[in-house]
Amino acid sequence: MLKKIRAFITRLQPTSRLLIQMKKARNNNAILALDALKERIAHKDGTLKALDLSGAKLSKATLAAADLEAIDFTGATLEHAYFHEANLQGAIFHKTVMIYANLRGAKAQSATFESATLTHANFARADLSNVNFKNADLTNANFWETNLEGVNFTGATLKGATISDVTCDNRTILPDSSYWVETVDWKKYTT
């Protein structure tokens, strides 16, 4: 009952207050704010573009098909977050914790995941062209049918990662700082 009352009160808040709550509140209250914003279609109308959500606690957030271009999630906690087919172009996930995050089919061109924790993250069929994964932990991540053109994996951990049917080019940088070539054996990095 208390949860329903809290959700009702949250829905009455102005958008500007909900955006602040999403950044500064504890996870449950931040999710309530996000849900209220989604009822207003704010996740698709550009309201969240380039928003500073650094340090936000949004584990289990559902942002499928959301327009999050250039959003800043630096240092945020996004465990089990769902970004299926979201627009994450130019987004910043520096030092973000995204364990079990689902980014299947996301459009994340030129995003940065530098030093992020992305263990068990799902990037299947995502467009990650020109993404920075420098020093990221991608243990057990899934890169099936993913566009990795121009990706920088320098210093990244790919142990146990699934890298299958990916698209790379001569700008793709591997974890040992060498450049991708057609004969690269991904097992060198994933086992």
N, C-alpha and C. Protein backbone atom coordinates (compact mmCIF):
# COMPACT_ATOMS: atom_id res chain seq x y z
N MET A 1 0.81 -1.19 0.00
CA MET A 1 0.00 0.00 0.00
C MET A 1 0.86 1.26 0.00
N LEU A 2 1.89 1.26 0.86
CA LEU A 2 2.78 2.41 0.94
C LEU A 2 3.50 2.63 -0.39
N LYS A 3 3.89 1.54 -1.05
CA LYS A 3 4.56 1.65 -2.34
C LYS A 3 3.64 2.29 -3.39
N LYS A 4 2.37 1.93 -3.38
CA LYS A 4 1.41 2.50 -4.34
C LYS A 4 1.20 3.99 -4.07
N ILE A 5 1.16 4.37 -2.82
CA ILE A 5 1.00 5.78 -2.47
C ILE A 5 2.23 6.57 -2.92
N ARG A 6 3.42 6.01 -2.66
CA ARG A 6 4.66 6.66 -3.07
C ARG A 6 4.69 6.83 -4.59
N ALA A 7 4.29 5.79 -5.33
CA ALA A 7 4.27 5.86 -6.80
C ALA A 7 3.28 6.93 -7.28
N PHE A 8 2.11 7.01 -6.64
CA PHE A 8 1.11 8.01 -7.01
C PHE A 8 1.64 9.43 -6.79
N ILE A 9 2.26 9.66 -5.64
CA ILE A 9 2.81 10.98 -5.32
C ILE A 9 3.93 11.32 -6.31
N THR A 10 4.74 10.35 -6.64
CA THR A 10 5.84 10.57 -7.59
C THR A 10 5.29 11.02 -8.94
N ARG A 11 4.21 10.39 -9.40
CA ARG A 11 3.62 10.74 -10.71
C ARG A 11 3.14 12.18 -10.77
N LEU A 12 2.85 12.78 -9.62
CA LEU A 12 2.35 14.16 -9.59
C LEU A 12 3.47 15.20 -9.69
N GLN A 13 4.71 14.77 -9.53
CA GLN A 13 5.85 15.69 -9.52
C GLN A 13 6.09 16.27 -10.91
N PRO A 14 6.60 17.50 -10.99
CA PRO A 14 6.95 18.06 -12.30
C PRO A 14 8.16 17.31 -12.89
N THR A 15 8.29 17.35 -14.18
CA THR A 15 9.37 16.65 -14.87
C THR A 15 10.74 17.04 -14.32
N SER A 16 10.95 18.32 -14.07
CA SER A 16 12.26 18.77 -13.58
C SER A 16 12.62 18.10 -12.26
N ARG A 17 11.66 17.94 -11.40
CA ARG A 17 11.90 17.29 -10.10
C ARG A 17 12.16 15.79 -10.28
N LEU A 18 11.44 15.17 -11.20
CA LEU A 18 11.65 13.74 -11.47
C LEU A 18 13.06 13.48 -12.01
N LEU A 19 13.55 14.38 -12.83
CA LEU A 19 14.90 14.23 -13.38
C LEU A 19 15.95 14.30 -12.26
N ILE A 20 15.74 15.20 -11.31
CA ILE A 20 16.65 15.30 -10.16
C ILE A 20 16.56 14.04 -9.31
N GLN A 21 15.33 13.57 -9.07
CA GLN A 21 15.12 12.36 -8.27
C GLN A 21 15.78 11.15 -8.93
N MET A 22 15.71 11.10 -10.26
CA MET A 22 16.32 9.99 -10.97
C MET A 22 17.84 9.95 -10.74
N LYS A 23 18.45 11.11 -10.63
CA LYS A 23 19.90 11.17 -10.43
C LYS A 23 20.30 10.97 -8.97
N LYS A 24 19.56 11.53 -8.04
CA LYS A 24 20.03 11.60 -6.66
C LYS A 24 19.38 10.62 -5.69
N ALA A 25 18.25 10.04 -6.07
CA ALA A 25 17.53 9.17 -5.13
C ALA A 25 18.15 7.78 -5.08
N ARG A 26 17.77 7.04 -4.03
CA ARG A 26 18.16 5.64 -3.96
C ARG A 26 17.47 4.88 -5.08
N ASN A 27 17.95 3.69 -5.35
CA ASN A 27 17.52 2.94 -6.53
C ASN A 27 15.99 2.86 -6.67
N ASN A 28 15.26 2.43 -5.65
CA ASN A 28 13.81 2.26 -5.78
C ASN A 28 13.09 3.56 -6.12
N ASN A 29 13.48 4.66 -5.47
CA ASN A 29 12.86 5.95 -5.75
C ASN A 29 13.28 6.50 -7.11
N ALA A 30 14.51 6.22 -7.51
CA ALA A 30 14.97 6.64 -8.84
C ALA A 30 14.18 5.90 -9.93
N ILE A 31 13.91 4.63 -9.70
CA ILE A 31 13.11 3.85 -10.66
C ILE A 31 11.68 4.37 -10.71
N LEU A 32 11.12 4.74 -9.56
CA LEU A 32 9.77 5.34 -9.55
C LEU A 32 9.73 6.62 -10.38
N ALA A 33 10.77 7.44 -10.25
CA ALA A 33 10.85 8.68 -11.04
C ALA A 33 10.95 8.35 -12.53
N LEU A 34 11.79 7.37 -12.85
CA LEU A 34 11.93 6.96 -14.25
C LEU A 34 10.60 6.46 -14.81
N ASP A 35 9.90 5.64 -14.05
CA ASP A 35 8.61 5.12 -14.50
C ASP A 35 7.60 6.26 -14.74
N ALA A 36 7.61 7.25 -13.87
CA ALA A 36 6.71 8.40 -14.06
C ALA A 36 7.08 9.17 -15.32
N LEU A 37 8.38 9.31 -15.58
CA LEU A 37 8.83 9.98 -16.80
C LEU A 37 8.45 9.18 -18.04
N LYS A 38 8.54 7.86 -17.95
CA LYS A 38 8.17 7.03 -19.09
C LYS A 38 6.68 7.13 -19.38
N GLU A 39 5.84 7.31 -18.36
CA GLU A 39 4.41 7.51 -18.58
C GLU A 39 4.16 8.78 -19.39
N ARG A 40 5.07 9.75 -19.27
CA ARG A 40 4.98 11.01 -20.02
C ARG A 40 5.71 10.92 -21.36
N ILE A 41 6.21 9.76 -21.69
CA ILE A 41 6.97 9.48 -22.92
C ILE A 41 8.28 10.28 -22.96
N ALA A 42 8.77 10.69 -21.80
CA ALA A 42 10.00 11.48 -21.72
C ALA A 42 11.22 10.70 -22.18
N HIS A 43 11.17 9.39 -22.12
CA HIS A 43 12.31 8.58 -22.55
C HIS A 43 12.42 8.51 -24.07
N LYS A 44 11.41 8.98 -24.79
CA LYS A 44 11.44 8.93 -26.25
C LYS A 44 11.35 10.30 -26.91
N ASP A 45 11.02 11.34 -26.15
CA ASP A 45 10.80 12.66 -26.75
C ASP A 45 12.01 13.59 -26.70
N GLY A 46 13.16 13.08 -26.25
CA GLY A 46 14.37 13.90 -26.19
C GLY A 46 14.64 14.50 -24.82
N THR A 47 13.75 14.34 -23.87
CA THR A 47 13.92 14.90 -22.52
C THR A 47 15.19 14.39 -21.85
N LEU A 48 15.57 13.15 -22.13
CA LEU A 48 16.72 12.55 -21.46
C LEU A 48 18.03 12.72 -22.25
N LYS A 49 17.97 13.33 -23.43
CA LYS A 49 19.18 13.55 -24.23
C LYS A 49 20.16 14.43 -23.46
N ALA A 50 21.42 14.02 -23.46
CA ALA A 50 22.52 14.78 -22.85
C ALA A 50 22.30 15.07 -21.37
N LEU A 51 21.44 14.32 -20.72
CA LEU A 51 21.17 14.51 -19.29
C LEU A 51 22.34 14.00 -18.45
N ASP A 52 22.67 14.70 -17.40
CA ASP A 52 23.74 14.27 -16.48
C ASP A 52 23.12 13.38 -15.41
N LEU A 53 23.32 12.08 -15.55
CA LEU A 53 22.88 11.12 -14.53
C LEU A 53 24.10 10.43 -13.90
N SER A 54 25.19 11.16 -13.82
CA SER A 54 26.40 10.60 -13.21
C SER A 54 26.10 10.23 -11.77
N GLY A 55 26.53 9.04 -11.40
CA GLY A 55 26.35 8.55 -10.04
C GLY A 55 24.95 8.02 -9.74
N ALA A 56 24.06 8.02 -10.71
CA ALA A 56 22.68 7.56 -10.47
C ALA A 56 22.65 6.08 -10.11
N LYS A 57 21.66 5.71 -9.34
CA LYS A 57 21.43 4.31 -8.95
C LYS A 57 20.16 3.86 -9.66
N LEU A 58 20.33 3.17 -10.79
CA LEU A 58 19.19 2.77 -11.61
C LEU A 58 19.28 1.29 -12.00
N SER A 59 19.64 0.45 -11.06
CA SER A 59 19.67 -0.98 -11.34
C SER A 59 18.26 -1.44 -11.68
N LYS A 60 18.17 -2.32 -12.65
CA LYS A 60 16.92 -2.90 -13.17
C LYS A 60 16.05 -1.87 -13.88
N ALA A 61 16.65 -0.75 -14.30
CA ALA A 61 15.90 0.24 -15.07
C ALA A 61 15.58 -0.33 -16.45
N THR A 62 14.40 -0.01 -16.94
CA THR A 62 14.00 -0.44 -18.27
C THR A 62 13.94 0.79 -19.16
N LEU A 63 14.86 0.83 -20.12
CA LEU A 63 14.95 1.96 -21.05
C LEU A 63 14.99 1.47 -22.49
N ALA A 64 14.21 0.46 -22.79
CA ALA A 64 14.15 -0.08 -24.14
C ALA A 64 13.66 0.99 -25.11
N ALA A 65 14.33 1.08 -26.25
CA ALA A 65 13.99 2.02 -27.32
C ALA A 65 14.01 3.48 -26.87
N ALA A 66 14.68 3.77 -25.77
CA ALA A 66 14.75 5.15 -25.27
C ALA A 66 15.75 5.97 -26.07
N ASP A 67 15.52 7.27 -26.14
CA ASP A 67 16.44 8.19 -26.80
C ASP A 67 17.33 8.80 -25.72
N LEU A 68 18.52 8.23 -25.59
CA LEU A 68 19.46 8.63 -24.54
C LEU A 68 20.76 9.17 -25.13
N GLU A 69 20.65 9.78 -26.28
CA GLU A 69 21.83 10.29 -26.96
C GLU A 69 22.61 11.24 -26.05
N ALA A 70 23.92 11.00 -25.95
CA ALA A 70 24.86 11.84 -25.19
C ALA A 70 24.57 11.91 -23.69
N ILE A 71 23.77 10.99 -23.16
CA ILE A 71 23.49 10.96 -21.72
C ILE A 71 24.78 10.63 -20.96
N ASP A 72 24.93 11.15 -19.76
CA ASP A 72 26.14 10.91 -18.97
C ASP A 72 25.80 10.05 -17.76
N PHE A 73 26.23 8.79 -17.82
CA PHE A 73 26.03 7.85 -16.72
C PHE A 73 27.36 7.58 -15.99
N THR A 74 28.28 8.51 -15.99
CA THR A 74 29.56 8.31 -15.34
C THR A 74 29.37 7.86 -13.89
N GLY A 75 30.00 6.73 -13.54
CA GLY A 75 29.95 6.24 -12.17
C GLY A 75 28.58 5.75 -11.70
N ALA A 76 27.65 5.61 -12.61
CA ALA A 76 26.30 5.15 -12.24
C ALA A 76 26.28 3.65 -12.00
N THR A 77 25.23 3.18 -11.34
CA THR A 77 25.00 1.75 -11.13
C THR A 77 23.78 1.37 -11.96
N LEU A 78 24.02 0.52 -12.97
CA LEU A 78 22.97 0.13 -13.91
C LEU A 78 22.93 -1.39 -14.06
N GLU A 79 23.09 -2.09 -12.95
CA GLU A 79 23.07 -3.55 -12.99
C GLU A 79 21.70 -4.03 -13.48
N HIS A 80 21.71 -5.01 -14.36
CA HIS A 80 20.49 -5.59 -14.92
C HIS A 80 19.62 -4.56 -15.65
N ALA A 81 20.19 -3.43 -16.05
CA ALA A 81 19.42 -2.43 -16.79
C ALA A 81 19.14 -2.94 -18.20
N TYR A 82 18.03 -2.50 -18.77
CA TYR A 82 17.55 -3.00 -20.05
C TYR A 82 17.51 -1.85 -21.06
N PHE A 83 18.45 -1.87 -22.01
CA PHE A 83 18.59 -0.82 -23.02
C PHE A 83 18.32 -1.37 -24.43
N HIS A 84 17.48 -2.36 -24.58
CA HIS A 84 17.21 -2.98 -25.87
C HIS A 84 16.82 -1.92 -26.91
N GLU A 85 17.60 -1.88 -27.99
CA GLU A 85 17.37 -0.97 -29.12
C GLU A 85 17.31 0.51 -28.73
N ALA A 86 17.96 0.87 -27.64
CA ALA A 86 18.01 2.28 -27.22
C ALA A 86 19.02 3.05 -28.07
N ASN A 87 18.80 4.36 -28.19
CA ASN A 87 19.76 5.25 -28.85
C ASN A 87 20.72 5.74 -27.77
N LEU A 88 21.95 5.21 -27.82
CA LEU A 88 22.98 5.58 -26.85
C LEU A 88 24.17 6.25 -27.54
N GLN A 89 23.92 6.86 -28.69
CA GLN A 89 25.00 7.50 -29.44
C GLN A 89 25.67 8.58 -28.59
N GLY A 90 26.99 8.47 -28.48
CA GLY A 90 27.75 9.46 -27.72
C GLY A 90 27.54 9.42 -26.22
N ALA A 91 26.87 8.40 -25.71
CA ALA A 91 26.62 8.29 -24.27
C ALA A 91 27.93 8.03 -23.51
N ILE A 92 27.96 8.45 -22.27
CA ILE A 92 29.15 8.29 -21.43
C ILE A 92 28.82 7.33 -20.29
N PHE A 93 29.55 6.21 -20.26
CA PHE A 93 29.39 5.20 -19.22
C PHE A 93 30.75 4.99 -18.52
N HIS A 94 31.50 6.04 -18.30
CA HIS A 94 32.82 5.96 -17.69
C HIS A 94 32.69 5.45 -16.25
N LYS A 95 33.40 4.36 -15.95
CA LYS A 95 33.40 3.75 -14.61
C LYS A 95 31.99 3.37 -14.13
N THR A 96 31.11 3.05 -15.05
CA THR A 96 29.75 2.66 -14.72
C THR A 96 29.70 1.17 -14.44
N VAL A 97 28.88 0.76 -13.49
CA VAL A 97 28.70 -0.66 -13.17
C VAL A 97 27.43 -1.12 -13.90
N MET A 98 27.64 -2.03 -14.87
CA MET A 98 26.54 -2.49 -15.72
C MET A 98 26.52 -4.02 -15.80
N ILE A 99 26.67 -4.67 -14.68
CA ILE A 99 26.67 -6.14 -14.65
C ILE A 99 25.30 -6.63 -15.14
N TYR A 100 25.32 -7.61 -16.05
CA TYR A 100 24.11 -8.19 -16.64
C TYR A 100 23.24 -7.16 -17.37
N ALA A 101 23.79 -6.05 -17.80
CA ALA A 101 23.01 -5.07 -18.57
C ALA A 101 22.70 -5.65 -19.95
N ASN A 102 21.53 -5.32 -20.47
CA ASN A 102 21.12 -5.80 -21.78
C ASN A 102 21.06 -4.63 -22.74
N LEU A 103 22.00 -4.62 -23.69
CA LEU A 103 22.07 -3.57 -24.70
C LEU A 103 21.87 -4.17 -26.09
N ARG A 104 21.11 -5.23 -26.17
CA ARG A 104 20.87 -5.92 -27.44
C ARG A 104 20.23 -4.96 -28.44
N GLY A 105 20.86 -4.86 -29.59
CA GLY A 105 20.33 -4.02 -30.66
C GLY A 105 20.47 -2.52 -30.41
N ALA A 106 21.19 -2.11 -29.37
CA ALA A 106 21.36 -0.69 -29.07
C ALA A 106 22.20 0.00 -30.14
N LYS A 107 21.95 1.26 -30.33
CA LYS A 107 22.74 2.09 -31.25
C LYS A 107 23.62 2.97 -30.37
N ALA A 108 24.86 2.50 -30.16
CA ALA A 108 25.75 3.17 -29.21
C ALA A 108 27.00 3.73 -29.88
N GLN A 109 26.88 4.17 -31.11
CA GLN A 109 28.04 4.69 -31.83
C GLN A 109 28.71 5.81 -31.03
N SER A 110 30.04 5.73 -30.97
CA SER A 110 30.89 6.74 -30.31
C SER A 110 30.63 6.90 -28.81
N ALA A 111 29.98 5.93 -28.19
CA ALA A 111 29.80 5.96 -26.74
C ALA A 111 31.11 5.57 -26.06
N THR A 112 31.25 5.93 -24.79
CA THR A 112 32.44 5.51 -24.05
C THR A 112 32.04 4.69 -22.84
N PHE A 113 32.69 3.53 -22.73
CA PHE A 113 32.50 2.62 -21.60
C PHE A 113 33.87 2.43 -20.92
N GLU A 114 34.69 3.45 -20.95
CA GLU A 114 36.04 3.35 -20.41
C GLU A 114 35.99 3.01 -18.92
N SER A 115 36.75 1.98 -18.54
CA SER A 115 36.87 1.50 -17.16
C SER A 115 35.53 1.08 -16.56
N ALA A 116 34.56 0.74 -17.39
CA ALA A 116 33.25 0.30 -16.90
C ALA A 116 33.28 -1.19 -16.57
N THR A 117 32.40 -1.61 -15.68
CA THR A 117 32.24 -3.02 -15.32
C THR A 117 31.01 -3.54 -16.07
N LEU A 118 31.26 -4.37 -17.09
CA LEU A 118 30.22 -4.83 -18.00
C LEU A 118 30.17 -6.36 -18.04
N THR A 119 30.45 -7.00 -16.92
CA THR A 119 30.45 -8.45 -16.91
C THR A 119 29.04 -8.97 -17.22
N HIS A 120 28.99 -9.97 -18.06
CA HIS A 120 27.74 -10.60 -18.51
C HIS A 120 26.82 -9.65 -19.28
N ALA A 121 27.33 -8.54 -19.76
CA ALA A 121 26.50 -7.61 -20.55
C ALA A 121 26.21 -8.22 -21.91
N ASN A 122 25.04 -7.91 -22.44
CA ASN A 122 24.62 -8.43 -23.73
C ASN A 122 24.62 -7.29 -24.76
N PHE A 123 25.55 -7.38 -25.74
CA PHE A 123 25.65 -6.41 -26.82
C PHE A 123 25.26 -7.03 -28.16
N ALA A 124 24.55 -8.14 -28.16
CA ALA A 124 24.20 -8.82 -29.40
C ALA A 124 23.48 -7.87 -30.35
N ARG A 125 23.92 -7.89 -31.59
CA ARG A 125 23.33 -7.10 -32.68
C ARG A 125 23.33 -5.60 -32.43
N ALA A 126 24.18 -5.12 -31.52
CA ALA A 126 24.29 -3.69 -31.26
C ALA A 126 25.24 -3.04 -32.26
N ASP A 127 25.06 -1.75 -32.50
CA ASP A 127 26.01 -0.98 -33.30
C ASP A 127 26.92 -0.25 -32.32
N LEU A 128 28.13 -0.78 -32.19
CA LEU A 128 29.11 -0.20 -31.26
C LEU A 128 30.25 0.47 -32.01
N SER A 129 30.01 0.90 -33.23
CA SER A 129 31.09 1.50 -34.00
C SER A 129 31.66 2.71 -33.27
N ASN A 130 32.98 2.75 -33.23
CA ASN A 130 33.77 3.82 -32.60
C ASN A 130 33.57 3.93 -31.09
N VAL A 131 33.17 2.84 -30.44
CA VAL A 131 32.99 2.85 -28.98
C VAL A 131 34.33 2.67 -28.28
N ASN A 132 34.49 3.31 -27.14
CA ASN A 132 35.69 3.20 -26.33
C ASN A 132 35.43 2.25 -25.15
N PHE A 133 36.06 1.08 -25.21
CA PHE A 133 35.98 0.10 -24.11
C PHE A 133 37.33 0.02 -23.39
N LYS A 134 38.12 1.05 -23.45
CA LYS A 134 39.45 1.03 -22.85
C LYS A 134 39.36 0.67 -21.37
N ASN A 135 40.10 -0.38 -20.98
CA ASN A 135 40.19 -0.86 -19.59
C ASN A 135 38.85 -1.31 -19.01
N ALA A 136 37.89 -1.63 -19.84
CA ALA A 136 36.59 -2.11 -19.36
C ALA A 136 36.65 -3.60 -19.02
N ASP A 137 35.85 -4.02 -18.06
CA ASP A 137 35.73 -5.44 -17.72
C ASP A 137 34.53 -5.99 -18.46
N LEU A 138 34.81 -6.75 -19.52
CA LEU A 138 33.78 -7.34 -20.38
C LEU A 138 33.75 -8.86 -20.22
N THR A 139 34.10 -9.33 -19.04
CA THR A 139 34.10 -10.77 -18.77
C THR A 139 32.71 -11.34 -19.04
N ASN A 140 32.66 -12.39 -19.84
CA ASN A 140 31.42 -13.10 -20.19
C ASN A 140 30.40 -12.23 -20.93
N ALA A 141 30.83 -11.15 -21.56
CA ALA A 141 29.92 -10.32 -22.35
C ALA A 141 29.59 -11.02 -23.67
N ASN A 142 28.47 -10.66 -24.27
CA ASN A 142 28.02 -11.26 -25.51
C ASN A 142 28.09 -10.23 -26.64
N PHE A 143 28.91 -10.54 -27.66
CA PHE A 143 29.06 -9.67 -28.83
C PHE A 143 28.63 -10.40 -30.11
N TRP A 144 27.57 -11.14 -30.08
CA TRP A 144 27.11 -11.88 -31.25
C TRP A 144 26.51 -10.91 -32.27
N GLU A 145 27.00 -11.01 -33.51
CA GLU A 145 26.53 -10.17 -34.63
C GLU A 145 26.57 -8.68 -34.30
N THR A 146 27.64 -8.27 -33.66
CA THR A 146 27.78 -6.88 -33.22
C THR A 146 28.72 -6.12 -34.14
N ASN A 147 28.42 -4.86 -34.39
CA ASN A 147 29.30 -4.00 -35.18
C ASN A 147 30.38 -3.44 -34.26
N LEU A 148 31.63 -3.87 -34.50
CA LEU A 148 32.76 -3.43 -33.69
C LEU A 148 33.74 -2.59 -34.52
N GLU A 149 33.28 -1.96 -35.57
CA GLU A 149 34.15 -1.14 -36.40
C GLU A 149 34.65 0.06 -35.60
N GLY A 150 35.97 0.22 -35.56
CA GLY A 150 36.57 1.35 -34.87
C GLY A 150 36.54 1.28 -33.35
N VAL A 151 36.16 0.12 -32.79
CA VAL A 151 36.10 -0.02 -31.33
C VAL A 151 37.51 -0.07 -30.74
N ASN A 152 37.67 0.52 -29.56
CA ASN A 152 38.95 0.50 -28.84
C ASN A 152 38.79 -0.40 -27.61
N PHE A 153 39.40 -1.61 -27.68
CA PHE A 153 39.39 -2.56 -26.57
C PHE A 153 40.70 -2.51 -25.77
N THR A 154 41.52 -1.50 -25.93
CA THR A 154 42.82 -1.45 -25.27
C THR A 154 42.68 -1.69 -23.77
N GLY A 155 43.39 -2.71 -23.27
CA GLY A 155 43.39 -3.02 -21.85
C GLY A 155 42.10 -3.65 -21.33
N ALA A 156 41.14 -3.91 -22.20
CA ALA A 156 39.86 -4.50 -21.77
C ALA A 156 40.03 -5.98 -21.45
N THR A 157 39.22 -6.47 -20.53
CA THR A 157 39.17 -7.89 -20.17
C THR A 157 38.00 -8.51 -20.91
N LEU A 158 38.29 -9.51 -21.75
CA LEU A 158 37.26 -10.18 -22.54
C LEU A 158 37.15 -11.66 -22.19
N LYS A 159 37.67 -12.05 -21.04
CA LYS A 159 37.66 -13.47 -20.66
C LYS A 159 36.22 -14.01 -20.65
N GLY A 160 36.02 -15.11 -21.36
CA GLY A 160 34.72 -15.77 -21.42
C GLY A 160 33.71 -15.07 -22.32
N ALA A 161 34.11 -14.00 -22.97
CA ALA A 161 33.18 -13.26 -23.84
C ALA A 161 32.85 -14.07 -25.09
N THR A 162 31.64 -13.90 -25.58
CA THR A 162 31.22 -14.50 -26.84
C THR A 162 31.41 -13.45 -27.93
N ILE A 163 32.33 -13.72 -28.85
CA ILE A 163 32.59 -12.81 -29.96
C ILE A 163 32.43 -13.62 -31.23
N SER A 164 31.23 -13.51 -31.82
CA SER A 164 30.87 -14.36 -32.94
C SER A 164 30.14 -13.54 -34.01
N ASP A 165 30.53 -13.74 -35.26
CA ASP A 165 29.89 -13.07 -36.40
C ASP A 165 29.90 -11.55 -36.24
N VAL A 166 31.00 -11.01 -35.71
CA VAL A 166 31.12 -9.56 -35.51
C VAL A 166 31.66 -8.90 -36.77
N THR A 167 31.44 -7.60 -36.88
CA THR A 167 31.97 -6.79 -37.97
C THR A 167 33.04 -5.88 -37.39
N CYS A 168 34.26 -6.02 -37.91
CA CYS A 168 35.38 -5.20 -37.46
C CYS A 168 36.00 -4.52 -38.68
N ASP A 169 36.90 -3.60 -38.46
CA ASP A 169 37.66 -3.00 -39.55
C ASP A 169 39.08 -2.72 -39.06
N ASN A 170 39.89 -2.13 -39.92
CA ASN A 170 41.30 -1.91 -39.58
C ASN A 170 41.50 -0.84 -38.51
N ARG A 171 40.42 -0.23 -38.02
CA ARG A 171 40.51 0.73 -36.91
C ARG A 171 40.19 0.09 -35.57
N THR A 172 39.70 -1.15 -35.58
CA THR A 172 39.34 -1.85 -34.35
C THR A 172 40.62 -2.20 -33.59
N ILE A 173 40.72 -1.74 -32.35
CA ILE A 173 41.92 -1.97 -31.53
C ILE A 173 41.62 -3.07 -30.52
N LEU A 174 42.47 -4.08 -30.50
CA LEU A 174 42.31 -5.25 -29.63
C LEU A 174 42.86 -4.96 -28.23
N PRO A 175 42.56 -5.82 -27.25
CA PRO A 175 43.01 -5.56 -25.87
C PRO A 175 44.52 -5.36 -25.70
N ASP A 176 45.33 -5.98 -26.58
CA ASP A 176 46.79 -5.82 -26.48
C ASP A 176 47.29 -4.62 -27.28
N SER A 177 46.41 -3.75 -27.70
CA SER A 177 46.69 -2.52 -28.46
C SER A 177 47.06 -2.78 -29.93
N SER A 178 46.97 -4.03 -30.39
CA SER A 178 47.18 -4.30 -31.81
C SER A 178 45.87 -4.04 -32.55
N TYR A 179 45.99 -3.89 -33.86
CA TYR A 179 44.80 -3.64 -34.67
C TYR A 179 44.24 -4.95 -35.22
N TRP A 180 42.93 -4.99 -35.37
CA TRP A 180 42.25 -6.17 -35.89
C TRP A 180 42.68 -6.44 -37.33
N VAL A 181 42.86 -7.72 -37.63
CA VAL A 181 43.07 -8.20 -39.00
C VAL A 181 42.15 -9.40 -39.18
N GLU A 182 41.87 -9.74 -40.43
CA GLU A 182 40.92 -10.83 -40.69
C GLU A 182 41.31 -12.15 -40.04
N THR A 183 42.59 -12.36 -39.80
CA THR A 183 43.05 -13.63 -39.24
C THR A 183 43.10 -13.64 -37.71
N VAL A 184 42.60 -12.58 -37.08
CA VAL A 184 42.67 -12.53 -35.61
C VAL A 184 41.90 -13.69 -34.99
N ASP A 185 42.48 -14.28 -33.96
CA ASP A 185 41.83 -15.36 -33.22
C ASP A 185 41.34 -14.76 -31.90
N TRP A 186 40.04 -14.52 -31.80
CA TRP A 186 39.46 -13.92 -30.61
C TRP A 186 39.68 -14.76 -29.37
N LYS A 187 39.90 -16.06 -29.54
CA LYS A 187 40.12 -16.94 -28.39
C LYS A 187 41.34 -16.51 -27.58
N LYS A 188 42.27 -15.87 -28.24
CA LYS A 188 43.46 -15.34 -27.55
C LYS A 188 43.06 -14.38 -26.42
N TYR A 189 41.96 -13.72 -26.59
CA TYR A 189 41.51 -12.73 -25.61
C TYR A 189 40.38 -13.23 -24.73
N THR A 190 39.66 -14.26 -25.17
CA THR A 190 38.48 -14.69 -24.45
C THR A 190 38.69 -15.93 -23.56
N THR A 191 39.84 -16.60 -23.72
CA THR A 191 40.09 -17.79 -22.88
C THR A 191 41.14 -17.52 -21.84
